[in-house]
Amino acid sequence: MIESIQNAVDYLSKGGIVMIFIGLCSLTAIVLFIERWIALRTTSRQARHLESGLIDAISQGQFERASSLCDTHPCALATLAQSGIDHRDLTREALQEVLSDEGRRQEARLNRFIPAVGAISTISPLLGLLGTVTGMIAVFSRLADEYASGAVANPGMLAGGIWEALLTTAAGLCVAIPAFVLHRILTGQLDAILLQLESTATRIVDILTPAPKASYPVFAADAAPAPQKNT
């Protein structure tokens, strides 16, 4: 086991210093994914437990109970709902604006670190390409020096240098592909939470400030009197 790990380390070390940065990208993506996955999963679970009781309390005008539920289930939905409860005396348009602003703040908080995972999926193959290019430059530089000294070029040395240079490209892709998948998982979780926030915010606005109903005449004759004929 130890020998296998040592062989893997020796193998990867042939990629040069760029391999260190690729390794750091891999470690960073894993840490950020775990942190965001736990945070989003916790937020989603708390919101599911909160939503039905919250809407019921607001519908009955039990705002203290609703606030207590928000305190018991701290999450983005609780913060959004508490903002609506605190500003329930506003007009419908003003309340919608308040909840919209709070929703954007919660989205920014929930989206923290997710773009970084996406950036790693983009940067990693570029780092791999950079390592390959610098490795090829080093190989052909040594080859040019041998020609300049009158030595016969060694094809084995050239082939060995090329495959070592290509290691970084392979390593970059091995980091980028999983990072892209992890990024899509997180964005899927985030989209589901934001959809729930938007739906619940709409329900809260409709409960606290019902939309005015337009009144229409039952019959067309009620709207305007029928013209009378002159005799």
Protein backbone atom coordinates (compact mmCIF):
# COMPACT_ATOMS: atom_id res chain seq x y z
CA MET A 1 0.00 0.00 0.00
CA ILE A 2 2.71 2.44 1.00
CA GLU A 3 4.73 1.47 -2.05
CA SER A 4 1.74 2.12 -4.32
CA ILE A 5 1.23 5.57 -2.80
CA GLN A 6 4.92 6.33 -3.25
CA ASN A 7 4.77 5.25 -6.89
CA ALA A 8 1.73 7.47 -7.47
CA VAL A 9 3.51 10.43 -5.89
CA ASP A 10 6.60 9.85 -8.01
CA TYR A 11 4.42 9.53 -11.09
CA LEU A 12 2.59 12.78 -10.44
CA SER A 13 5.76 14.63 -9.49
CA LYS A 14 6.95 14.24 -13.07
CA GLY A 15 4.34 16.83 -14.04
CA GLY A 16 6.33 19.60 -12.41
CA ILE A 17 5.25 22.49 -10.22
CA VAL A 18 1.99 22.98 -12.11
CA MET A 19 0.82 19.65 -10.70
CA ILE A 20 0.91 21.21 -7.23
CA PHE A 21 -1.60 23.88 -8.26
CA ILE A 22 -3.82 21.27 -9.90
CA GLY A 23 -3.74 19.26 -6.68
CA LEU A 24 -4.69 22.35 -4.68
CA CYS A 25 -7.59 22.98 -7.06
CA SER A 26 -8.79 19.42 -6.49
CA LEU A 27 -8.61 19.74 -2.72
CA THR A 28 -10.33 23.14 -2.76
CA ALA A 29 -13.19 21.87 -4.94
CA ILE A 30 -13.82 18.94 -2.60
CA VAL A 31 -13.80 21.11 0.54
CA LEU A 32 -16.09 23.77 -0.97
CA PHE A 33 -18.49 21.17 -2.32
CA ILE A 34 -18.84 19.43 1.04
CA GLU A 35 -19.40 22.75 2.84
CA ARG A 36 -22.04 23.97 0.37
CA TRP A 37 -23.75 20.59 0.05
CA ILE A 38 -24.23 20.36 3.80
CA ALA A 39 -25.38 23.99 4.04
CA LEU A 40 -27.89 23.72 1.18
CA ARG A 41 -29.20 20.37 2.37
CA THR A 42 -29.71 21.77 5.88
CA THR A 43 -31.46 24.85 4.50
CA SER A 44 -33.77 22.74 2.34
CA ARG A 45 -34.68 20.42 5.21
CA GLN A 46 -35.38 23.31 7.60
CA ALA A 47 -37.52 25.04 4.98
CA ARG A 48 -39.64 21.93 4.41
CA HIS A 49 -40.30 21.63 8.13
CA LEU A 50 -41.13 25.32 8.43
CA GLU A 51 -43.29 26.11 5.41
CA SER A 52 -46.65 24.52 6.23
CA GLY A 53 -46.78 25.71 9.85
CA LEU A 54 -45.57 29.16 8.86
CA ILE A 55 -48.21 29.69 6.19
CA ASP A 56 -50.89 28.42 8.55
CA ALA A 57 -49.82 30.82 11.32
CA ILE A 58 -49.70 33.83 8.98
CA SER A 59 -53.08 32.93 7.48
CA GLN A 60 -54.63 32.97 10.97
CA GLY A 61 -52.93 36.23 11.90
CA GLN A 62 -50.79 34.54 14.55
CA PHE A 63 -47.67 36.55 13.83
CA GLU A 64 -45.96 35.83 17.16
CA ARG A 65 -46.32 32.12 16.50
CA ALA A 66 -44.98 32.62 12.98
CA SER A 67 -41.96 34.50 14.34
CA SER A 68 -41.38 31.74 16.88
CA LEU A 69 -41.40 29.16 14.09
CA CYS A 70 -38.86 31.23 12.17
CA ASP A 71 -36.60 31.32 15.23
CA THR A 72 -36.97 27.57 15.70
CA HIS A 73 -36.05 26.77 12.07
CA PRO A 74 -33.23 29.18 11.11
CA CYS A 75 -32.87 29.15 7.33
CA ALA A 76 -33.24 31.39 4.30
CA LEU A 77 -37.01 30.90 4.25
CA ALA A 78 -37.28 31.88 7.92
CA THR A 79 -35.34 35.09 7.31
CA LEU A 80 -37.48 35.92 4.28
CA ALA A 81 -40.72 35.23 6.12
CA GLN A 82 -39.65 37.25 9.16
CA SER A 83 -38.93 40.19 6.90
CA GLY A 84 -42.45 39.93 5.49
CA ILE A 85 -43.96 39.72 8.98
CA ASP A 86 -42.01 42.75 10.16
CA HIS A 87 -43.23 44.81 7.19
CA ARG A 88 -46.80 43.48 7.02
CA ASP A 89 -48.26 46.99 7.36
CA LEU A 90 -46.80 48.10 4.03
CA THR A 91 -48.70 48.26 0.79
CA ARG A 92 -48.63 45.27 -1.53
CA GLU A 93 -46.09 46.82 -3.89
CA ALA A 94 -43.82 47.95 -1.04
CA LEU A 95 -43.99 44.52 0.61
CA GLN A 96 -43.12 42.83 -2.67
CA GLU A 97 -40.10 45.10 -2.99
CA VAL A 98 -38.97 44.31 0.57
CA LEU A 99 -39.24 40.56 0.02
CA SER A 100 -37.53 40.85 -3.36
CA ASP A 101 -34.55 42.62 -1.77
CA GLU A 102 -34.37 40.06 1.02
CA GLY A 103 -34.61 37.25 -1.51
CA ARG A 104 -31.63 38.62 -3.41
CA ARG A 105 -29.63 38.79 -0.19
CA GLN A 106 -30.50 35.20 0.65
CA GLU A 107 -29.61 34.08 -2.87
CA ALA A 108 -26.19 35.71 -2.58
CA ARG A 109 -25.62 34.02 0.78
CA LEU A 110 -26.69 30.60 -0.48
CA ASN A 111 -24.67 30.97 -3.68
CA ARG A 112 -21.44 31.55 -1.73
CA PHE A 113 -18.54 29.36 -2.93
CA ILE A 114 -20.60 27.73 -5.71
CA PRO A 115 -19.04 29.92 -8.44
CA ALA A 116 -15.61 28.97 -7.08
CA VAL A 117 -16.32 25.30 -7.77
CA GLY A 118 -17.36 26.21 -11.30
CA ALA A 119 -14.22 28.29 -11.73
CA ILE A 120 -12.06 25.33 -10.69
CA SER A 121 -13.68 23.19 -13.38
CA THR A 122 -12.60 25.84 -15.90
CA ILE A 123 -9.15 26.64 -14.53
CA SER A 124 -7.93 23.08 -13.98
CA PRO A 125 -7.65 22.06 -17.67
CA LEU A 126 -6.00 25.40 -18.43
CA LEU A 127 -3.40 24.70 -15.75
CA GLY A 128 -2.92 21.26 -17.27
CA LEU A 129 -2.39 22.81 -20.67
CA LEU A 130 0.06 25.29 -19.20
CA GLY A 131 2.06 22.46 -17.64
CA THR A 132 2.11 20.61 -20.95
CA VAL A 133 3.30 23.67 -22.86
CA THR A 134 6.07 24.47 -20.38
CA GLY A 135 7.09 20.80 -20.33
CA MET A 136 7.30 20.69 -24.13
CA ILE A 137 9.36 23.88 -24.10
CA ALA A 138 11.79 22.26 -21.67
CA VAL A 139 12.02 19.08 -23.78
CA PHE A 140 12.73 20.86 -27.03
CA SER A 141 15.15 23.19 -25.27
CA ARG A 142 17.21 20.18 -24.13
CA LEU A 143 16.94 18.72 -27.63
CA ALA A 144 18.24 21.96 -29.15
CA ASP A 145 21.16 22.00 -26.69
CA GLU A 146 22.13 18.46 -27.71
CA TYR A 147 22.05 19.40 -31.37
CA ALA A 148 24.16 22.47 -30.65
CA SER A 149 26.77 20.35 -28.87
CA GLY A 150 26.95 17.95 -31.81
CA ALA A 151 25.34 15.05 -29.97
CA VAL A 152 22.89 12.73 -31.67
CA ALA A 153 19.31 13.30 -30.55
CA ASN A 154 17.81 10.53 -28.46
CA PRO A 155 14.24 9.74 -29.61
CA GLY A 156 13.59 7.95 -26.32
CA MET A 157 14.45 11.10 -24.40
CA LEU A 158 12.08 13.10 -26.61
CA ALA A 159 9.23 10.63 -26.18
CA GLY A 160 9.79 10.42 -22.44
CA GLY A 161 9.76 14.18 -22.11
CA ILE A 162 6.55 14.47 -24.10
CA TRP A 163 4.59 11.93 -22.03
CA GLU A 164 5.77 13.56 -18.83
CA ALA A 165 4.58 16.92 -20.15
CA LEU A 166 1.17 15.45 -21.04
CA LEU A 167 0.67 14.29 -17.46
CA THR A 168 -0.47 17.73 -16.41
CA THR A 169 -3.16 17.85 -19.12
CA ALA A 170 -4.51 14.50 -17.96
CA ALA A 171 -4.41 15.63 -14.32
CA GLY A 172 -6.19 18.89 -15.15
CA LEU A 173 -8.99 17.03 -16.91
CA CYS A 174 -9.28 14.54 -14.05
CA VAL A 175 -9.94 17.48 -11.73
CA ALA A 176 -12.10 19.54 -14.11
CA ILE A 177 -14.65 16.85 -14.99
CA PRO A 178 -15.62 15.92 -11.39
CA ALA A 179 -15.57 19.60 -10.41
CA PHE A 180 -18.03 20.37 -13.20
CA VAL A 181 -20.35 17.60 -12.00
CA LEU A 182 -20.12 18.84 -8.40
CA HIS A 183 -20.90 22.37 -9.57
CA ARG A 184 -24.03 21.18 -11.38
CA ILE A 185 -25.19 19.31 -8.27
CA LEU A 186 -24.86 22.45 -6.16
CA THR A 187 -26.61 24.68 -8.69
CA GLY A 188 -29.46 22.18 -8.87
CA GLN A 189 -29.87 22.30 -5.10
CA LEU A 190 -29.71 26.09 -5.14
CA ASP A 191 -32.31 26.42 -7.91
CA ALA A 192 -34.73 24.21 -5.97
CA ILE A 193 -34.33 26.32 -2.82
CA LEU A 194 -34.77 29.61 -4.71
CA LEU A 195 -37.92 28.28 -6.38
CA GLN A 196 -39.34 27.43 -2.95
CA LEU A 197 -38.42 30.89 -1.62
CA GLU A 198 -40.13 32.60 -4.53
CA SER A 199 -43.26 30.48 -4.18
CA THR A 200 -43.51 31.03 -0.43
CA ALA A 201 -42.85 34.76 -0.74
CA THR A 202 -45.72 35.04 -3.22
CA ARG A 203 -48.05 33.22 -0.82
CA ILE A 204 -47.00 35.46 2.07
CA VAL A 205 -47.68 38.60 0.02
CA ASP A 206 -51.08 37.28 -1.05
CA ILE A 207 -52.01 36.53 2.58
CA LEU A 208 -50.77 39.78 4.12
CA THR A 209 -51.92 42.09 1.33
CA PRO A 210 -54.63 40.42 -0.77
CA ALA A 211 -54.77 41.65 -4.32
CA PRO A 212 -57.79 43.88 -5.00
CA LYS A 213 -60.50 42.18 -6.99
CA ALA A 214 -61.87 44.02 -9.97
CA SER A 215 -65.65 44.38 -10.00
CA TYR A 216 -67.47 43.69 -13.23
CA PRO A 217 -71.20 44.07 -13.95
CA VAL A 218 -73.08 40.79 -14.02
CA PHE A 219 -74.92 41.71 -17.20
CA ALA A 220 -73.98 44.05 -19.95
CA ALA A 221 -77.23 45.89 -19.43
CA ASP A 222 -76.05 46.86 -15.93
CA ALA A 223 -73.06 48.69 -17.36
CA ALA A 224 -74.93 51.13 -19.52
CA PRO A 225 -78.59 51.86 -20.06
CA ALA A 226 -80.05 50.73 -23.35
CA PRO A 227 -80.64 53.56 -25.82
CA GLN A 228 -84.26 54.65 -26.15
CA LYS A 229 -85.95 55.14 -29.51
CA ASN A 230 -87.46 58.47 -30.31
CA THR A 231 -91.06 58.25 -31.30
